[in-house]
Protein backbone atom coordinates (compact mmCIF):
# COMPACT_ATOMS: atom_id res chain seq x y z
CA UNK A 1 11.88 49.61 -4.29
CA UNK A 2 12.39 47.89 -0.18
CA UNK A 3 8.91 49.78 0.95
CA UNK A 4 7.19 48.87 -2.12
CA UNK A 5 8.10 45.17 -1.74
CA UNK A 6 7.20 45.05 1.98
CA UNK A 7 3.73 46.06 1.16
CA UNK A 8 3.10 43.81 -1.37
CA UNK A 9 3.95 41.44 0.99
CA UNK A 10 2.08 42.31 3.78
CA UNK A 11 -1.19 42.63 1.29
CA UNK A 12 -0.65 38.60 0.09
CA UNK A 13 -0.32 38.16 3.53
CA UNK A 14 -3.33 40.02 4.65
CA UNK A 15 -5.52 37.56 1.97
CA UNK A 16 -4.55 34.29 3.87
CA UNK A 17 -7.60 34.62 7.42
CA UNK A 18 -5.83 33.66 10.23
CA UNK A 19 -8.62 32.00 11.86
CA UNK A 20 -11.63 30.68 11.29
CA UNK A 21 -13.75 34.03 11.27
CA UNK A 22 -16.75 34.09 15.05
CA UNK A 23 -19.74 32.53 13.82
CA UNK A 24 -21.60 35.53 14.89
CA UNK A 25 -25.38 36.75 12.87
CA UNK A 26 -23.93 37.73 9.50
CA UNK A 27 -21.47 34.93 9.14
CA UNK A 28 -20.87 31.29 8.56
CA UNK A 29 -18.77 28.96 10.36
CA UNK A 30 -16.25 27.15 7.70
CA UNK A 31 -17.87 24.09 8.75
CA UNK A 32 -20.75 25.32 7.24
CA UNK A 33 -20.03 26.79 4.23
CA UNK A 34 -18.24 22.86 3.29
CA UNK A 35 -22.16 21.50 3.90
CA UNK A 36 -23.07 24.04 1.07
CA UNK A 37 -24.92 26.29 3.78
CA UNK A 38 -23.70 28.99 2.03
CA UNK A 39 -22.79 29.19 -1.58
CA UNK A 40 -23.87 32.41 -2.52
CA UNK A 41 -20.68 34.00 -3.59
CA UNK A 42 -18.36 31.00 -2.77
CA UNK A 43 -16.47 28.98 -5.33
CA UNK A 44 -14.88 25.83 -4.31
CA UNK A 45 -13.36 23.55 -6.43
CA UNK A 46 -12.77 20.06 -6.21
CA UNK A 47 -9.08 20.17 -7.25
CA UNK A 48 -8.71 22.53 -4.08
CA UNK A 49 -9.84 20.13 -1.58
CA UNK A 50 -8.28 17.23 -3.39
CA UNK A 51 -5.00 19.03 -2.83
CA UNK A 52 -5.31 20.00 0.71
CA UNK A 53 -6.33 16.20 1.54
CA UNK A 54 -3.72 14.73 -0.27
CA UNK A 55 -0.82 17.17 1.72
CA UNK A 56 -2.82 15.88 4.90
CA UNK A 57 -2.28 12.64 3.48
CA UNK A 58 1.30 12.27 2.20
CA UNK A 59 2.59 14.57 4.78
CA UNK A 60 3.86 17.35 2.70
CA UNK A 61 3.29 19.72 -0.27
CA UNK A 62 6.58 18.19 -1.71
CA UNK A 63 4.94 14.80 -1.78
CA UNK A 64 1.74 15.60 -2.33
CA UNK A 65 2.78 17.86 -5.48
CA UNK A 66 4.84 14.36 -7.31
CA UNK A 67 1.82 12.35 -6.38
CA UNK A 68 -0.61 15.36 -8.61
CA UNK A 69 1.81 15.70 -10.70
CA UNK A 70 1.27 19.04 -9.99
CA UNK A 71 4.29 21.81 -9.56
CA UNK A 72 4.72 22.38 -5.69
CA UNK A 73 3.96 26.41 -6.06
CA UNK A 74 0.67 25.06 -7.32
CA UNK A 75 -0.06 22.90 -4.74
CA UNK A 76 0.70 25.93 -2.32
CA UNK A 77 -1.24 28.34 -4.56
CA UNK A 78 -4.57 24.74 -3.91
CA UNK A 79 -4.20 25.39 -0.27
CA UNK A 80 -4.21 29.27 0.21
CA UNK A 81 -7.34 29.12 -2.78
CA UNK A 82 -9.21 26.77 -0.56
CA UNK A 83 -7.91 28.32 2.62
CA UNK A 84 -9.17 31.93 1.64
CA UNK A 85 -12.59 31.03 0.69
CA UNK A 86 -13.44 28.70 3.48
CA UNK A 87 -11.93 31.86 5.45
CA UNK A 88 -9.61 30.21 7.88
CA UNK A 89 -6.34 28.47 7.86
CA UNK A 90 -5.95 24.92 7.13
CA UNK A 91 -1.75 24.14 7.88
CA UNK A 92 -0.32 25.46 10.47
CA UNK A 93 2.52 27.34 8.45
CA UNK A 94 4.98 27.21 11.31
CA UNK A 95 5.52 23.68 12.71
CA UNK A 96 7.03 20.64 11.41
CA UNK A 97 5.95 18.01 10.65
CA UNK A 98 2.64 18.98 8.92
CA UNK A 99 0.26 19.89 11.27
CA UNK A 100 -4.01 20.66 10.83
CA UNK A 101 -5.19 23.94 12.54
CA UNK A 102 -8.42 23.08 14.76
CA UNK A 103 -10.15 24.05 12.39
CA UNK A 104 -8.48 22.10 9.91
CA UNK A 105 -8.75 18.36 11.69
CA UNK A 106 -12.87 19.90 12.33
CA UNK A 107 -12.81 19.95 8.04
CA UNK A 108 -10.64 17.22 6.94
CA UNK A 109 -13.60 14.54 7.53
CA UNK A 110 -15.76 16.40 5.40
CA UNK A 111 -13.83 17.32 2.83
CA UNK A 112 -13.52 13.74 2.28
CA UNK A 113 -16.90 13.06 1.65
CA UNK A 114 -17.55 15.76 -0.15
CA UNK A 115 -14.06 13.75 -2.59
CA UNK A 116 -15.73 10.62 -1.49
CA UNK A 117 -19.25 11.49 -2.96
CA UNK A 118 -17.64 13.00 -6.42
CA UNK A 119 -15.66 9.74 -7.06
CA UNK A 120 -18.71 7.86 -6.17
CA UNK A 121 -21.03 9.70 -8.77
CA UNK A 122 -17.75 9.25 -11.41
CA UNK A 123 -17.42 5.57 -10.36
CA UNK A 124 -21.18 4.66 -10.75
CA UNK A 125 -21.28 6.60 -14.45
CA UNK A 126 -18.19 4.72 -15.61
CA UNK A 127 -19.92 1.31 -14.33
CA UNK A 128 -22.56 2.04 -15.63
CA UNK A 129 -21.50 2.76 -19.19
CA UNK A 130 -18.93 -0.07 -18.56
CA UNK A 131 -16.31 2.15 -20.17
CA UNK A 132 -14.01 2.12 -17.12
CA UNK A 133 -10.24 3.83 -17.25
CA UNK A 134 -8.07 5.05 -15.17
CA UNK A 135 -4.68 3.69 -13.63
CA UNK A 136 -4.57 0.96 -10.70
CA UNK A 137 -1.28 0.96 -8.60
CA UNK A 138 -0.67 -2.14 -6.67
CA UNK A 139 2.09 -3.11 -4.09
CA UNK A 140 2.91 -6.23 -3.96
CA UNK A 141 5.18 -9.22 -3.19
CA UNK A 142 7.51 -11.35 -5.45
CA UNK A 143 5.92 -14.31 -5.63
CA UNK A 144 2.52 -12.58 -5.90
CA UNK A 145 3.48 -10.31 -8.70
CA UNK A 146 5.03 -13.28 -10.92
CA UNK A 147 2.83 -16.22 -10.02
CA UNK A 148 -0.74 -14.24 -9.62
CA UNK A 149 -0.71 -11.12 -10.79
CA UNK A 150 -0.05 -11.63 -14.74
CA UNK A 151 -3.63 -13.55 -14.88
CA UNK A 152 -5.19 -11.05 -13.05
CA UNK A 153 -3.97 -8.43 -14.97
CA UNK A 154 -4.76 -10.25 -18.45
CA UNK A 155 -8.91 -10.87 -17.46
CA UNK A 156 -9.11 -7.45 -16.37
CA UNK A 157 -7.89 -5.64 -19.18
CA UNK A 158 -9.52 -8.03 -21.40
CA UNK A 159 -13.43 -6.57 -19.61
CA UNK A 160 -11.65 -2.86 -19.20
CA UNK A 161 -9.12 -2.32 -21.97
CA UNK A 162 -9.05 1.58 -20.66
CA UNK A 163 -7.54 0.29 -16.55
CA UNK A 164 -3.57 0.61 -17.06
CA UNK A 165 -2.12 -1.58 -13.95
CA UNK A 166 1.37 -0.22 -12.09
CA UNK A 167 3.30 -2.96 -9.63
CA UNK A 168 5.52 -1.94 -6.71
CA UNK A 169 7.39 -5.03 -5.37
CA UNK A 170 8.51 -5.08 -1.76
CA UNK A 171 8.31 -6.21 1.63
CA UNK A 172 5.86 -6.61 3.68
CA UNK A 173 6.90 -2.75 5.55
CA UNK A 174 7.18 -1.39 2.41
CA UNK A 175 4.11 -2.17 1.20
CA UNK A 176 2.28 -1.32 4.66
CA UNK A 177 3.54 2.18 4.20
CA UNK A 178 2.82 2.00 0.13
CA UNK A 179 -0.72 1.66 1.03
CA UNK A 180 -0.93 3.93 3.87
CA UNK A 181 0.42 6.60 2.44
CA UNK A 182 -1.11 6.99 -1.17
CA UNK A 183 1.21 5.52 -3.19
CA UNK A 184 -1.13 2.51 -4.43
CA UNK A 185 -4.63 1.97 -4.44
CA UNK A 186 -4.69 -1.45 -3.46
CA UNK A 187 -2.16 -3.68 -2.47
CA UNK A 188 -1.69 -8.22 -2.87
CA UNK A 189 -0.52 -8.35 0.81
CA UNK A 190 -0.15 -11.61 4.00
CA UNK A 191 -2.52 -11.33 6.58
CA UNK A 192 0.19 -11.58 8.99
CA UNK A 193 1.87 -9.82 10.77
CA UNK A 194 -0.86 -7.55 11.49
CA UNK A 195 -1.22 -3.83 9.66
CA UNK A 196 -0.38 -0.99 11.90
CA UNK A 197 -2.97 1.16 10.35
CA UNK A 198 -6.40 -0.29 11.41
CA UNK A 199 -8.25 0.80 9.09
CA UNK A 200 -6.76 -1.26 6.42
CA UNK A 201 -9.33 -3.49 5.19
CA UNK A 202 -8.91 -6.66 2.89
CA UNK A 203 -10.00 -9.60 1.35
CA UNK A 204 -8.67 -13.16 2.13
CA UNK A 205 -7.66 -14.88 -0.71
CA UNK A 206 -5.19 -17.66 -0.55
CA UNK A 207 -3.52 -19.85 1.71
CA UNK A 208 0.28 -21.20 0.44
CA UNK A 209 2.17 -23.54 2.61
CA UNK A 210 6.31 -23.34 3.15
CA UNK A 211 9.23 -25.54 1.62
CA UNK A 212 12.35 -26.53 1.51
CA UNK A 213 15.03 -25.49 -1.36
CA UNK A 214 18.00 -27.67 -2.38
CA UNK A 215 20.97 -27.96 -4.57
CA UNK A 216 20.93 -30.98 -6.37
CA UNK A 217 22.45 -33.73 -4.81
CA UNK A 218 21.72 -32.61 -0.73
CA UNK A 219 21.30 -35.43 1.28
CA UNK A 220 17.75 -34.11 2.33
CA UNK A 221 16.27 -34.91 -1.30
CA UNK A 222 16.48 -38.12 -0.98
CA UNK A 223 13.57 -38.14 1.24
CA UNK A 224 9.90 -37.08 -0.50
CA UNK A 225 8.88 -35.04 2.23
CA UNK A 226 11.08 -33.12 5.09
CA UNK A 227 10.62 -33.03 8.78
CA UNK A 228 11.76 -29.97 10.73
CA UNK A 229 14.42 -31.89 12.80
CA UNK A 230 16.49 -32.23 9.31
CA UNK A 231 17.22 -28.35 9.58
CA UNK A 232 19.12 -28.98 13.09
CA UNK A 233 22.57 -27.39 12.45
CA UNK A 234 21.76 -26.83 8.58
CA UNK A 235 22.96 -23.85 6.72
CA UNK A 236 19.10 -22.19 6.34
CA UNK A 237 18.95 -19.29 3.44
CA UNK A 238 15.60 -17.36 4.80
CA UNK A 239 13.30 -14.07 3.28
CA UNK A 240 13.55 -11.69 5.83
CA UNK A 241 15.02 -8.25 6.63
CA UNK A 242 19.21 -9.14 6.11
CA UNK A 243 20.31 -6.03 8.73
CA UNK A 244 18.27 -7.26 11.32
CA UNK A 245 19.86 -9.10 14.16
CA UNK A 246 18.70 -12.70 13.17
CA UNK A 247 19.84 -16.20 11.15
CA UNK A 248 16.57 -16.67 9.64
CA UNK A 249 13.46 -14.10 8.33
CA UNK A 250 11.00 -12.84 10.05
CA UNK A 251 8.29 -15.42 8.52
CA UNK A 252 10.89 -18.51 9.49
CA UNK A 253 11.35 -17.09 13.08
CA UNK A 254 7.45 -16.41 13.56
CA UNK A 255 5.90 -18.87 12.01
CA UNK A 256 7.83 -21.54 11.76
CA UNK A 257 9.91 -21.67 15.03
CA UNK A 258 13.11 -22.64 13.91
CA UNK A 259 15.90 -20.16 14.95
CA UNK A 260 17.00 -22.53 17.68
CA UNK A 261 17.49 -24.98 15.04
CA UNK A 262 19.23 -23.47 12.65
CA UNK A 263 23.49 -23.34 12.30
CA UNK A 264 24.71 -19.50 13.27
CA UNK A 265 25.77 -19.16 10.12
CA UNK A 266 22.26 -18.88 8.30
CA UNK A 267 21.93 -16.64 5.29
CA UNK A 268 19.13 -13.75 5.50
CA UNK A 269 18.05 -12.61 1.67
CA UNK A 270 15.71 -9.70 1.04
CA UNK A 271 14.90 -11.52 -2.10
CA UNK A 272 12.96 -15.22 -3.32
CA UNK A 273 15.72 -14.81 -6.63
CA UNK A 274 19.01 -14.47 -4.55
CA UNK A 275 17.62 -17.32 -2.36
CA UNK A 276 17.18 -19.31 -4.77
CA UNK A 277 21.13 -18.60 -6.36
CA UNK A 278 22.60 -18.94 -2.77
CA UNK A 279 20.41 -22.45 -2.98
CA UNK A 280 21.94 -23.43 -6.57
CA UNK A 281 25.34 -21.89 -5.21
CA UNK A 282 25.47 -24.93 -2.34
CA UNK A 283 25.31 -21.80 0.21
CA UNK A 284 22.49 -23.43 1.95
CA UNK A 285 19.02 -24.77 2.30
CA UNK A 286 16.34 -22.62 1.47
CA UNK A 287 13.26 -22.31 3.28
CA UNK A 288 10.54 -20.38 1.61
CA UNK A 289 6.60 -19.86 0.60
CA UNK A 290 5.79 -22.35 -1.79
CA UNK A 291 4.69 -19.82 -4.66
CA UNK A 292 8.49 -18.25 -3.71
CA UNK A 293 9.86 -22.04 -4.62
CA UNK A 294 8.09 -21.91 -7.92
CA UNK A 295 9.27 -18.86 -8.78
CA UNK A 296 13.21 -19.20 -8.71
CA UNK A 297 12.35 -22.94 -8.81
CA UNK A 298 15.81 -23.89 -11.59
CA UNK A 299 17.90 -26.56 -12.88
CA UNK A 300 20.52 -27.12 -10.20
CA UNK A 301 18.54 -27.31 -7.33
CA UNK A 302 14.90 -29.30 -6.34
CA UNK A 303 11.58 -28.28 -4.29
CA UNK A 304 10.43 -30.68 -0.47
CA UNK A 305 7.19 -30.10 1.28
CA UNK A 306 7.91 -29.88 4.67
CA UNK A 307 5.77 -32.74 6.83
CA UNK A 308 3.68 -32.02 9.94
CA UNK A 309 4.35 -28.06 9.78
CA UNK A 310 0.66 -26.33 10.87
CA UNK A 311 2.07 -22.88 9.52
CA UNK A 312 0.76 -21.07 6.01
CA UNK A 313 1.34 -18.05 4.91
CA UNK A 314 -1.95 -16.23 4.21
CA UNK A 315 -2.68 -13.61 1.55
CA UNK A 316 -5.40 -10.91 1.37
CA UNK A 317 -5.83 -7.89 -1.17
CA UNK A 318 -6.36 -5.12 1.09
CA UNK A 319 -7.61 -1.88 0.25
CA UNK A 320 -7.43 1.26 2.69
CA UNK A 321 -11.10 1.36 4.39
CA UNK A 322 -11.25 5.62 5.00
CA UNK A 323 -10.25 6.43 1.54
CA UNK A 324 -12.51 6.62 -1.75
CA UNK A 325 -11.49 3.60 -4.32
CA UNK A 326 -11.94 4.98 -7.99
CA UNK A 327 -13.83 2.96 -10.39
CA UNK A 328 -10.71 1.11 -12.25
CA UNK A 329 -9.32 0.57 -8.68
CA UNK A 330 -12.65 -1.66 -7.59
CA UNK A 331 -12.72 -3.50 -11.11
CA UNK A 332 -9.14 -5.03 -9.96
CA UNK A 333 -10.09 -5.65 -6.65
CA UNK A 334 -13.00 -7.54 -8.20
CA UNK A 335 -10.80 -8.86 -10.97
CA UNK A 336 -8.56 -10.55 -8.09
CA UNK A 337 -11.34 -11.80 -5.97
CA UNK A 338 -12.76 -13.78 -9.18
CA UNK A 339 -9.65 -15.42 -9.96
CA UNK A 340 -8.43 -18.87 -9.94
CA UNK A 341 -6.12 -19.22 -7.19
CA UNK A 342 -2.56 -19.86 -7.81
CA UNK A 343 -1.57 -23.58 -7.90
CA UNK A 344 -0.80 -25.45 -5.30
CA UNK A 345 -2.27 -23.13 -3.01
CA UNK A 346 -5.76 -23.35 -1.04
CA UNK A 347 -8.81 -21.59 0.19
CA UNK A 348 -7.98 -19.58 4.02
CA UNK A 349 -10.83 -21.45 6.14
CA UNK A 350 -13.08 -19.14 7.70
CA UNK A 351 -12.19 -17.59 11.23
């Protein structure tokens, strides 16, 4: 029995080539095969290519299986079938993290081009017929999801009833990671900080000011506008990473430069709703982007503009320029660009 098992394992192993065959007189390199130069006996399925690219982009078989809604054995089978048909290994099996072979690196761009061409074919046909369907997954920040996206989705589905939109909320780091890892197709994201992935591309949408929130009865509410100097010694509540070693959040520190003004007992919150609750409870004054202030404004607190502040939050719609967008994602982007800017915001001036 053991010998039989060993024999079957060896047979399976022999099915997968260890490297691409030499491109001699009677053989064709894998890159040429993928270009279609040898089609006499090749059966290459787009699903195999799509699975391989997903494994590369997500960094592993397990995450690719989750993204594609396939079992992990099916993902492994797709990769094995592709390698067998191309005649070479694409992924180093014994190296972690996931690493491509030389052949895999050489073929990846062509695989993306093949998938892009197929997606463009489907997109063009759907657009011509006007019956675009599918799901668009969008990463966004809380106030954008609350004050902007509902109107966009309504207009989109009036034009394309077959499109569904799923929204994932998070901070700027979450949004960038979700777009890089292809968990989402598009993202609503601030322009600053600049993303680490330089393949991201963006269309500017709006500019919004920062405002102050204070509990009803706070002395600063006697003024119709407040100055940055008014925050001196105040306990300030801002949005940022609560685990960071700072008394103010990212935007308050970088955009407003108020780190040295506020009391050392400031509070950094991850969510605008928490900031609003803290302000209403009298734990300090809040500094937040305008749409965030509108989202959390409730009875028991009031909002004031910050005077002479040449700092803003600029927002855009982002996607990855090196990855094809389906018809549904393209329709979503068009709907976002056509949508009116949220009330209280302005256009971002051209550079």
